[in-house]
Amino acid sequence: MHDAGVRGVRFNFVKRLVDFTPKDELLEIAERIKAWGWHVVIYFEAVDLPELWDFFTALPTTVVVDHMGRPDVSLPLDGPQFALFQKFMREHANVWSKVSCPERLSLTGPKALNGEQNAYRDVVPFARAIVAEFPDRVLWGTDWPHPNLKDHMPDDGLLVDFIPHIAPTAALQHKLLVDNPNRLYWS
């Protein structure tokens, strides 16, 4: 699998999507992939971070958080839930974040304001905060082909248009789209 380009495994903790996998089995998998230099992608909801903190911090690899840990964007940016996620990244240099999938997090969606698309404006402050504080540990991507979405199919062009709102400078965009993925996947 390594020779084919695989560089990580994903552990899903979103309760509505998966059954429970014993954490000791997941730690065993993490230990095995560590030797290959692979990373673990973790998918969870922000409300579950306190319960999962000890397990996540015990992972012996680089850890990549899917979708910024699914923050509840109806809550304040400076509130305790998002602050805990920032603390998680701040205290653990092996933790990266995908600033991805605003279509899964947004309550407002890709609404037009004054005739212009302001894609997923309620998610922008959260993603921008992560990009600004951790510019060397963020990744961008889409969730194409967008599995498990039942209410709409996102416009991938609007997802690309989201990038300059969260990484407003050319230097930040280069890190997000080029430097960081190169370091994580190919170095």
C-alpha atoms as a PDB file:
ATOM      1  CA  MET A   1       0.000   0.000   0.000  1.00  0.00           C
ATOM      2  CA  HIS A   2       2.864   2.358   0.760  1.00  0.00           C
ATOM      3  CA  ASP A   3       4.316   1.789  -2.713  1.00  0.00           C
ATOM      4  CA  ALA A   4       0.882   2.624  -4.166  1.00  0.00           C
ATOM      5  CA  GLY A   5       0.943   6.028  -2.426  1.00  0.00           C
ATOM      6  CA  VAL A   6      -1.102   5.417   0.716  1.00  0.00           C
ATOM      7  CA  ARG A   7       0.087   7.706   3.511  1.00  0.00           C
ATOM      8  CA  GLY A   8      -2.507   7.484   6.240  1.00  0.00           C
ATOM      9  CA  VAL A   9      -5.543   5.872   7.827  1.00  0.00           C
ATOM     10  CA  ARG A  10      -8.757   7.445   9.023  1.00  0.00           C
ATOM     11  CA  PHE A  11     -10.370   6.844  12.394  1.00  0.00           C
ATOM     12  CA  ASN A  12     -14.015   7.902  12.450  1.00  0.00           C
ATOM     13  CA  PHE A  13     -15.589   8.946  15.755  1.00  0.00           C
ATOM     14  CA  VAL A  14     -18.749  10.578  14.409  1.00  0.00           C
ATOM     15  CA  LYS A  15     -21.275   8.540  16.340  1.00  0.00           C
ATOM     16  CA  ARG A  16     -24.078   8.790  13.798  1.00  0.00           C
ATOM     17  CA  LEU A  17     -21.827   7.263  11.112  1.00  0.00           C
ATOM     18  CA  VAL A  18     -19.960   4.397  12.762  1.00  0.00           C
ATOM     19  CA  ASP A  19     -20.021   1.707  15.376  1.00  0.00           C
ATOM     20  CA  PHE A  20     -17.498   1.835  18.179  1.00  0.00           C
ATOM     21  CA  THR A  21     -14.054   0.376  17.452  1.00  0.00           C
ATOM     22  CA  PRO A  22     -12.018  -0.467  20.559  1.00  0.00           C
ATOM     23  CA  LYS A  23      -9.366   2.189  21.078  1.00  0.00           C
ATOM     24  CA  ASP A  24      -6.673  -0.394  21.816  1.00  0.00           C
ATOM     25  CA  GLU A  25      -7.169  -1.777  18.301  1.00  0.00           C
ATOM     26  CA  LEU A  26      -6.871   1.715  16.843  1.00  0.00           C
ATOM     27  CA  LEU A  27      -3.694   2.352  18.839  1.00  0.00           C
ATOM     28  CA  GLU A  28      -2.263  -0.898  17.484  1.00  0.00           C
ATOM     29  CA  ILE A  29      -2.985   0.273  13.934  1.00  0.00           C
ATOM     30  CA  ALA A  30      -1.383   3.644  14.684  1.00  0.00           C
ATOM     31  CA  GLU A  31       1.736   1.916  15.988  1.00  0.00           C
ATOM     32  CA  ARG A  32       1.963  -0.180  12.822  1.00  0.00           C
ATOM     33  CA  ILE A  33       1.658   2.762  10.447  1.00  0.00           C
ATOM     34  CA  LYS A  34       4.098   4.887  12.431  1.00  0.00           C
ATOM     35  CA  ALA A  35       6.945   2.799  11.034  1.00  0.00           C
ATOM     36  CA  TRP A  36       5.912   3.836   7.515  1.00  0.00           C
ATOM     37  CA  GLY A  37       5.723   7.536   8.389  1.00  0.00           C
ATOM     38  CA  TRP A  38       1.985   7.549   7.773  1.00  0.00           C
ATOM     39  CA  HIS A  39      -0.480   9.754   9.624  1.00  0.00           C
ATOM     40  CA  VAL A  40      -3.855   9.194  11.268  1.00  0.00           C
ATOM     41  CA  VAL A  41      -6.830  11.251  10.154  1.00  0.00           C
ATOM     42  CA  ILE A  42      -9.396  11.690  12.907  1.00  0.00           C
ATOM     43  CA  TYR A  43     -12.998  12.589  12.216  1.00  0.00           C
ATOM     44  CA  PHE A  44     -15.076  13.685  15.177  1.00  0.00           C
ATOM     45  CA  GLU A  45     -17.508  16.349  16.294  1.00  0.00           C
ATOM     46  CA  ALA A  46     -16.304  19.217  18.460  1.00  0.00           C
ATOM     47  CA  VAL A  47     -18.614  18.319  21.314  1.00  0.00           C
ATOM     48  CA  ASP A  48     -16.776  14.973  21.649  1.00  0.00           C
ATOM     49  CA  LEU A  49     -13.225  16.362  21.875  1.00  0.00           C
ATOM     50  CA  PRO A  50     -13.083  16.371  25.711  1.00  0.00           C
ATOM     51  CA  GLU A  51     -13.976  12.668  25.805  1.00  0.00           C
ATOM     52  CA  LEU A  52     -11.479  11.793  23.027  1.00  0.00           C
ATOM     53  CA  TRP A  53      -8.607  14.093  24.081  1.00  0.00           C
ATOM     54  CA  ASP A  54      -6.524  11.464  25.897  1.00  0.00           C
ATOM     55  CA  PHE A  55      -6.844   8.964  23.063  1.00  0.00           C
ATOM     56  CA  PHE A  56      -5.967  11.534  20.397  1.00  0.00           C
ATOM     57  CA  THR A  57      -2.943  12.770  22.307  1.00  0.00           C
ATOM     58  CA  ALA A  58      -1.705   9.186  22.744  1.00  0.00           C
ATOM     59  CA  LEU A  59      -1.518   8.611  18.983  1.00  0.00           C
ATOM     60  CA  PRO A  60       2.164   8.140  18.058  1.00  0.00           C
ATOM     61  CA  THR A  61       1.920   9.654  14.577  1.00  0.00           C
ATOM     62  CA  THR A  62       1.085  12.916  12.922  1.00  0.00           C
ATOM     63  CA  VAL A  63      -2.635  13.450  13.475  1.00  0.00           C
ATOM     64  CA  VAL A  64      -4.763  15.243  10.888  1.00  0.00           C
ATOM     65  CA  VAL A  65      -8.159  16.495  12.040  1.00  0.00           C
ATOM     66  CA  ASP A  66     -10.895  16.336   9.427  1.00  0.00           C
ATOM     67  CA  HIS A  67     -13.018  19.453   8.973  1.00  0.00           C
ATOM     68  CA  MET A  68     -11.510  21.369  11.924  1.00  0.00           C
ATOM     69  CA  GLY A  69     -13.125  18.897  14.309  1.00  0.00           C
ATOM     70  CA  ARG A  70     -16.583  19.902  13.068  1.00  0.00           C
ATOM     71  CA  PRO A  71     -17.046  23.081  15.104  1.00  0.00           C
ATOM     72  CA  ASP A  72     -20.574  24.226  15.800  1.00  0.00           C
ATOM     73  CA  VAL A  73     -20.440  27.491  13.847  1.00  0.00           C
ATOM     74  CA  SER A  74     -23.550  28.766  15.622  1.00  0.00           C
ATOM     75  CA  LEU A  75     -21.403  29.089  18.752  1.00  0.00           C
ATOM     76  CA  PRO A  76     -18.984  31.997  19.266  1.00  0.00           C
ATOM     77  CA  LEU A  77     -15.554  31.823  17.686  1.00  0.00           C
ATOM     78  CA  ASP A  78     -14.054  32.761  21.050  1.00  0.00           C
ATOM     79  CA  GLY A  79     -16.257  30.324  22.948  1.00  0.00           C
ATOM     80  CA  PRO A  80     -15.034  27.333  24.950  1.00  0.00           C
ATOM     81  CA  GLN A  81     -15.730  24.687  22.297  1.00  0.00           C
ATOM     82  CA  PHE A  82     -13.540  26.187  19.577  1.00  0.00           C
ATOM     83  CA  ALA A  83     -10.984  27.366  22.153  1.00  0.00           C
ATOM     84  CA  LEU A  84     -10.508  23.747  23.189  1.00  0.00           C
ATOM     85  CA  PHE A  85      -9.775  22.758  19.606  1.00  0.00           C
ATOM     86  CA  GLN A  86      -7.238  25.583  19.300  1.00  0.00           C
ATOM     87  CA  LYS A  87      -5.660  24.447  22.574  1.00  0.00           C
ATOM     88  CA  PHE A  88      -5.485  20.898  21.213  1.00  0.00           C
ATOM     89  CA  MET A  89      -3.526  22.122  18.202  1.00  0.00           C
ATOM     90  CA  ARG A  90      -1.447  24.581  20.216  1.00  0.00           C
ATOM     91  CA  GLU A  91      -0.321  21.961  22.739  1.00  0.00           C
ATOM     92  CA  HIS A  92       0.357  19.179  20.210  1.00  0.00           C
ATOM     93  CA  ALA A  93       2.718  20.036  17.374  1.00  0.00           C
ATOM     94  CA  ASN A  94       1.916  16.731  15.659  1.00  0.00           C
ATOM     95  CA  VAL A  95      -1.712  17.817  15.120  1.00  0.00           C
ATOM     96  CA  TRP A  96      -2.723  19.279  11.759  1.00  0.00           C
ATOM     97  CA  SER A  97      -6.147  20.408  10.575  1.00  0.00           C
ATOM     98  CA  LYS A  98      -8.021  20.191   7.315  1.00  0.00           C
ATOM     99  CA  VAL A  99      -9.859  23.477   6.831  1.00  0.00           C
ATOM    100  CA  SER A 100     -12.299  21.684   4.615  1.00  0.00           C
ATOM    101  CA  CYS A 101     -15.963  20.997   4.061  1.00  0.00           C
ATOM    102  CA  PRO A 102     -17.644  24.263   4.917  1.00  0.00           C
ATOM    103  CA  GLU A 103     -20.707  22.809   3.192  1.00  0.00           C
ATOM    104  CA  ARG A 104     -20.985  20.313   6.061  1.00  0.00           C
ATOM    105  CA  LEU A 105     -20.510  22.921   8.782  1.00  0.00           C
ATOM    106  CA  SER A 106     -22.362  25.972   7.489  1.00  0.00           C
ATOM    107  CA  LEU A 107     -25.791  26.999   8.650  1.00  0.00           C
ATOM    108  CA  THR A 108     -26.031  29.806   6.103  1.00  0.00           C
ATOM    109  CA  GLY A 109     -24.739  27.888   3.082  1.00  0.00           C
ATOM    110  CA  PRO A 110     -23.335  29.593  -0.001  1.00  0.00           C
ATOM    111  CA  LYS A 111     -25.710  32.586   0.080  1.00  0.00           C
ATOM    112  CA  ALA A 112     -25.353  35.632  -2.104  1.00  0.00           C
ATOM    113  CA  LEU A 113     -24.878  39.043  -0.490  1.00  0.00           C
ATOM    114  CA  ASN A 114     -25.212  42.179  -2.609  1.00  0.00           C
ATOM    115  CA  GLY A 115     -25.170  40.037  -5.729  1.00  0.00           C
ATOM    116  CA  GLU A 116     -21.873  38.316  -4.794  1.00  0.00           C
ATOM    117  CA  GLN A 117     -21.362  34.820  -3.520  1.00  0.00           C
ATOM    118  CA  ASN A 118     -20.076  34.882   0.029  1.00  0.00           C
ATOM    119  CA  ALA A 119     -19.590  31.173   0.304  1.00  0.00           C
ATOM    120  CA  TYR A 120     -20.151  29.717   3.729  1.00  0.00           C
ATOM    121  CA  ARG A 121     -19.541  33.006   5.539  1.00  0.00           C
ATOM    122  CA  ASP A 122     -20.359  31.533   8.955  1.00  0.00           C
ATOM    123  CA  VAL A 123     -17.506  29.023   8.638  1.00  0.00           C
ATOM    124  CA  VAL A 124     -14.917  31.543   7.408  1.00  0.00           C
ATOM    125  CA  PRO A 125     -13.916  32.935  10.844  1.00  0.00           C
ATOM    126  CA  PHE A 126     -13.242  29.453  12.219  1.00  0.00           C
ATOM    127  CA  ALA A 127     -11.146  28.315   9.266  1.00  0.00           C
ATOM    128  CA  ARG A 128      -9.349  31.666   9.027  1.00  0.00           C
ATOM    129  CA  ALA A 129      -8.399  31.474  12.718  1.00  0.00           C
ATOM    130  CA  ILE A 130      -6.851  28.019  12.247  1.00  0.00           C
ATOM    131  CA  VAL A 131      -4.976  29.055   9.093  1.00  0.00           C
ATOM    132  CA  ALA A 132      -3.674  32.216  10.782  1.00  0.00           C
ATOM    133  CA  GLU A 133      -2.450  30.506  13.944  1.00  0.00           C
ATOM    134  CA  PHE A 134      -1.185  27.256  12.401  1.00  0.00           C
ATOM    135  CA  PRO A 135      -0.144  28.143   8.838  1.00  0.00           C
ATOM    136  CA  ASP A 136       2.326  25.253   8.648  1.00  0.00           C
ATOM    137  CA  ARG A 137      -0.170  22.595   9.799  1.00  0.00           C
ATOM    138  CA  VAL A 138      -3.256  23.189   7.675  1.00  0.00           C
ATOM    139  CA  LEU A 139      -4.543  21.457   4.564  1.00  0.00           C
ATOM    140  CA  TRP A 140      -7.396  22.241   2.217  1.00  0.00           C
ATOM    141  CA  GLY A 141      -9.484  19.886   0.179  1.00  0.00           C
ATOM    142  CA  THR A 142     -12.997  19.021  -0.791  1.00  0.00           C
ATOM    143  CA  ASP A 143     -14.970  16.000   0.227  1.00  0.00           C
ATOM    144  CA  TRP A 144     -15.647  15.128  -3.401  1.00  0.00           C
ATOM    145  CA  PRO A 145     -17.680  13.142  -4.314  1.00  0.00           C
ATOM    146  CA  HIS A 146     -19.439  14.459  -1.189  1.00  0.00           C
ATOM    147  CA  PRO A 147     -20.665  11.211   0.439  1.00  0.00           C
ATOM    148  CA  ASN A 148     -23.534  11.133   2.912  1.00  0.00           C
ATOM    149  CA  LEU A 149     -24.988  14.490   1.833  1.00  0.00           C
ATOM    150  CA  LYS A 150     -28.710  14.135   1.438  1.00  0.00           C
ATOM    151  CA  ASP A 151     -29.990  17.700   1.245  1.00  0.00           C
ATOM    152  CA  HIS A 152     -27.781  19.254  -1.445  1.00  0.00           C
ATOM    153  CA  MET A 153     -24.788  18.726  -3.682  1.00  0.00           C
ATOM    154  CA  PRO A 154     -22.198  21.460  -3.155  1.00  0.00           C
ATOM    155  CA  ASP A 155     -20.792  23.533  -5.979  1.00  0.00           C
ATOM    156  CA  ASP A 156     -17.087  22.652  -6.043  1.00  0.00           C
ATOM    157  CA  GLY A 157     -16.354  26.072  -7.562  1.00  0.00           C
ATOM    158  CA  LEU A 158     -17.753  27.732  -4.441  1.00  0.00           C
ATOM    159  CA  LEU A 159     -15.587  25.470  -2.302  1.00  0.00           C
ATOM    160  CA  VAL A 160     -12.530  26.707  -4.221  1.00  0.00           C
ATOM    161  CA  ASP A 161     -13.791  30.291  -3.845  1.00  0.00           C
ATOM    162  CA  PHE A 162     -13.720  29.712  -0.074  1.00  0.00           C
ATOM    163  CA  ILE A 163      -9.897  29.567  -0.089  1.00  0.00           C
ATOM    164  CA  PRO A 164      -9.051  33.294  -0.321  1.00  0.00           C
ATOM    165  CA  HIS A 165     -11.514  34.014   2.486  1.00  0.00           C
ATOM    166  CA  ILE A 166      -9.659  31.707   4.873  1.00  0.00           C
ATOM    167  CA  ALA A 167      -6.111  32.161   3.537  1.00  0.00           C
ATOM    168  CA  PRO A 168      -6.142  35.799   2.413  1.00  0.00           C
ATOM    169  CA  THR A 169      -2.536  36.110   1.263  1.00  0.00           C
ATOM    170  CA  ALA A 170      -0.654  34.389  -1.523  1.00  0.00           C
ATOM    171  CA  ALA A 171       1.862  33.097   1.027  1.00  0.00           C
ATOM    172  CA  LEU A 172      -0.851  31.480   3.168  1.00  0.00           C
ATOM    173  CA  GLN A 173      -2.510  29.990   0.102  1.00  0.00           C
ATOM    174  CA  HIS A 174       0.797  28.513  -1.048  1.00  0.00           C
ATOM    175  CA  LYS A 175       1.334  26.882   2.354  1.00  0.00           C
ATOM    176  CA  LEU A 176      -2.236  25.583   2.447  1.00  0.00           C
ATOM    177  CA  LEU A 177      -2.296  24.218  -1.092  1.00  0.00           C
ATOM    178  CA  VAL A 178       1.335  23.364  -1.912  1.00  0.00           C
ATOM    179  CA  ASP A 179       3.909  23.398   0.879  1.00  0.00           C
ATOM    180  CA  ASN A 180       1.948  21.648   3.613  1.00  0.00           C
ATOM    181  CA  PRO A 181       0.537  18.812   1.462  1.00  0.00           C
ATOM    182  CA  ASN A 182       4.000  18.242   0.000  1.00  0.00           C
ATOM    183  CA  ARG A 183       5.493  17.971   3.476  1.00  0.00           C
ATOM    184  CA  LEU A 184       2.757  15.713   4.842  1.00  0.00           C
ATOM    185  CA  TYR A 185       2.370  13.347   1.913  1.00  0.00           C
ATOM    186  CA  TRP A 186       5.692  13.302   0.105  1.00  0.00           C
ATOM    187  CA  SER A 187       8.555  14.314   2.366  1.00  0.00           C
END
